[in-house]
Amino acid sequence: MVGGDIIEVTYNHPTLGSGVFYPKSAEDSTFDPGGFRGSDDANMVDGGGRNIRQLNQVRWSFESPIAWDMNVTNELATVAALSKSAEEATWTFTSINGTVWQGKGAPVGDIPGNGNQSTIPLKISGGGELKKII
């Protein structure tokens, strides 16, 4: 079992083109593959005590802070453009352990750039499931 840094996050957008973001080293990253989840409600039983299962689909997501070069590459402007686009990009997330995950989606949530640390909190989410491709 090997964990560690996310090496790169790539996107391929139908109108904005392709690019790469570099996550900050030694920071946590979160993967949620999406798909169906069972409701966690203790009251989901009937009068006879039988379990009632409620299954709902949730979107996949990936989250990690990325480096922000305000002078040259201005990742903040790129994330903002990808966020407001009506079209989704295909994303890949590459781990130091050699695994690569892929999904189709867009940046979600607020994207406040941290000028002191030169980072942006990046969260990407989409429909269907985040798939391990390598």
Protein backbone atom coordinates (compact mmCIF):
# COMPACT_ATOMS: atom_id res chain seq x y z
CA MET A 1 0.00 0.00 0.00
CA VAL A 2 1.50 3.34 -1.07
CA GLY A 3 -0.09 6.74 -0.56
CA GLY A 4 1.29 10.22 -1.04
CA ASP A 5 1.23 13.14 -3.40
CA ILE A 6 -1.00 13.67 -6.39
CA ILE A 7 1.49 14.35 -9.20
CA GLU A 8 -0.82 16.11 -11.63
CA VAL A 9 -4.41 16.88 -12.55
CA THR A 10 -5.13 17.15 -16.28
CA TYR A 11 -8.20 18.37 -18.12
CA ASN A 12 -9.38 18.13 -21.72
CA HIS A 13 -12.23 20.55 -22.41
CA PRO A 14 -14.12 20.65 -25.75
CA THR A 15 -13.80 24.44 -26.20
CA LEU A 16 -11.24 25.64 -23.61
CA GLY A 17 -8.59 23.09 -24.59
CA SER A 18 -6.31 20.94 -22.47
CA GLY A 19 -4.04 21.67 -19.56
CA VAL A 20 -2.48 20.52 -16.32
CA PHE A 21 -2.65 21.61 -12.68
CA TYR A 22 0.00 20.64 -10.15
CA PRO A 23 -1.23 19.81 -6.64
CA LYS A 24 0.78 21.07 -3.68
CA SER A 25 3.14 18.47 -2.22
CA ALA A 26 2.41 16.78 1.12
CA GLU A 27 -1.25 17.89 1.17
CA ASP A 28 -4.29 15.71 1.62
CA SER A 29 -6.35 14.70 -1.40
CA THR A 30 -9.83 13.21 -1.37
CA PHE A 31 -11.33 10.78 -3.88
CA ASP A 32 -15.04 9.89 -3.84
CA PRO A 33 -15.90 7.52 -6.71
CA GLY A 34 -19.58 8.49 -6.70
CA GLY A 35 -22.34 6.07 -7.68
CA PHE A 36 -25.12 4.79 -5.46
CA ARG A 37 -25.16 5.25 -1.68
CA GLY A 38 -27.48 3.89 0.97
CA SER A 39 -29.20 6.45 3.19
CA ASP A 40 -27.83 6.54 6.76
CA ASP A 41 -31.11 7.21 8.56
CA ALA A 42 -31.80 5.24 11.75
CA ASN A 43 -35.56 5.66 11.18
CA MET A 44 -35.55 3.79 7.87
CA VAL A 45 -37.56 0.84 9.21
CA ASP A 46 -41.22 -0.03 8.98
CA GLY A 47 -43.59 -0.70 11.88
CA GLY A 48 -42.54 -4.35 11.89
CA GLY A 49 -38.85 -3.44 12.28
CA ARG A 50 -37.96 -4.38 8.70
CA ASN A 51 -35.21 -2.39 7.03
CA ILE A 52 -36.15 0.13 4.34
CA ARG A 53 -33.21 0.72 2.02
CA GLN A 54 -33.05 4.05 0.25
CA LEU A 55 -30.44 4.17 -2.52
CA ASN A 56 -29.57 7.47 -4.19
CA GLN A 57 -27.01 8.35 -6.79
CA VAL A 58 -24.27 10.82 -5.80
CA ARG A 59 -21.68 12.52 -7.98
CA TRP A 60 -17.98 11.66 -7.93
CA SER A 61 -15.44 14.15 -6.63
CA PHE A 62 -11.74 14.83 -6.24
CA GLU A 63 -10.29 17.50 -3.97
CA SER A 64 -6.75 18.85 -3.42
CA PRO A 65 -5.02 22.22 -3.21
CA ILE A 66 -3.15 23.12 -6.41
CA ALA A 67 -0.22 25.47 -6.98
CA TRP A 68 -1.10 28.97 -8.22
CA ASP A 69 1.39 30.96 -10.30
CA MET A 70 -0.16 34.45 -10.37
CA ASN A 71 2.52 35.80 -12.72
CA VAL A 72 2.64 33.36 -15.61
CA THR A 73 0.11 30.50 -15.77
CA ASN A 74 -2.64 32.07 -13.59
CA GLU A 75 -4.40 28.83 -12.69
CA LEU A 76 -7.11 30.82 -10.89
CA ALA A 77 -8.39 32.26 -14.19
CA THR A 78 -8.31 28.82 -15.80
CA VAL A 79 -10.25 27.18 -12.96
CA ALA A 80 -12.80 30.02 -13.09
CA ALA A 81 -13.25 29.57 -16.86
CA LEU A 82 -13.70 25.79 -16.49
CA SER A 83 -16.12 26.35 -13.62
CA LYS A 84 -18.44 28.69 -15.52
CA SER A 85 -18.47 26.70 -18.77
CA ALA A 86 -21.69 24.86 -19.60
CA GLU A 87 -19.57 22.03 -21.03
CA GLU A 88 -17.68 19.52 -18.90
CA ALA A 89 -14.08 18.43 -19.28
CA THR A 90 -12.52 14.98 -19.04
CA TRP A 91 -10.20 14.93 -16.00
CA THR A 92 -7.38 12.64 -14.92
CA PHE A 93 -5.79 12.50 -11.48
CA THR A 94 -2.35 10.87 -11.24
CA SER A 95 -0.99 9.64 -7.90
CA ILE A 96 2.66 9.13 -6.95
CA ASN A 97 1.84 5.43 -6.58
CA GLY A 98 1.19 5.16 -10.34
CA THR A 99 -2.59 4.99 -10.27
CA VAL A 100 -4.63 7.23 -12.57
CA TRP A 101 -8.29 8.08 -12.08
CA GLN A 102 -10.60 9.61 -14.68
CA GLY A 103 -14.01 11.27 -14.80
CA LYS A 104 -16.02 13.84 -16.73
CA GLY A 105 -16.99 16.93 -14.74
CA ALA A 106 -16.19 20.49 -13.72
CA PRO A 107 -14.81 22.55 -10.81
CA VAL A 108 -17.41 23.12 -8.08
CA GLY A 109 -17.60 25.39 -5.05
CA ASP A 110 -15.65 28.52 -4.21
CA ILE A 111 -12.12 29.00 -5.61
CA PRO A 112 -10.38 31.52 -3.35
CA GLY A 113 -6.71 31.82 -4.30
CA ASN A 114 -4.37 31.98 -1.30
CA GLY A 115 -1.80 34.66 -2.17
CA ASN A 116 0.48 33.82 0.76
CA GLN A 117 0.73 30.10 0.05
CA SER A 118 0.26 30.40 -3.74
CA THR A 119 -2.46 27.75 -3.74
CA ILE A 120 -6.07 27.28 -4.83
CA PRO A 121 -8.46 24.75 -3.23
CA LEU A 122 -9.59 22.67 -6.22
CA LYS A 123 -12.66 20.45 -6.12
CA ILE A 124 -13.77 18.66 -9.29
CA SER A 125 -17.06 16.78 -9.44
CA GLY A 126 -19.19 15.05 -12.02
CA GLY A 127 -21.93 12.58 -12.78
CA GLY A 128 -21.51 8.84 -13.06
CA GLU A 129 -18.43 7.41 -11.38
CA LEU A 130 -14.76 8.29 -11.03
CA LYS A 131 -12.94 5.31 -12.55
CA LYS A 132 -9.46 3.96 -11.91
CA ILE A 133 -7.95 3.57 -15.39
CA ILE A 134 -4.40 2.50 -14.38
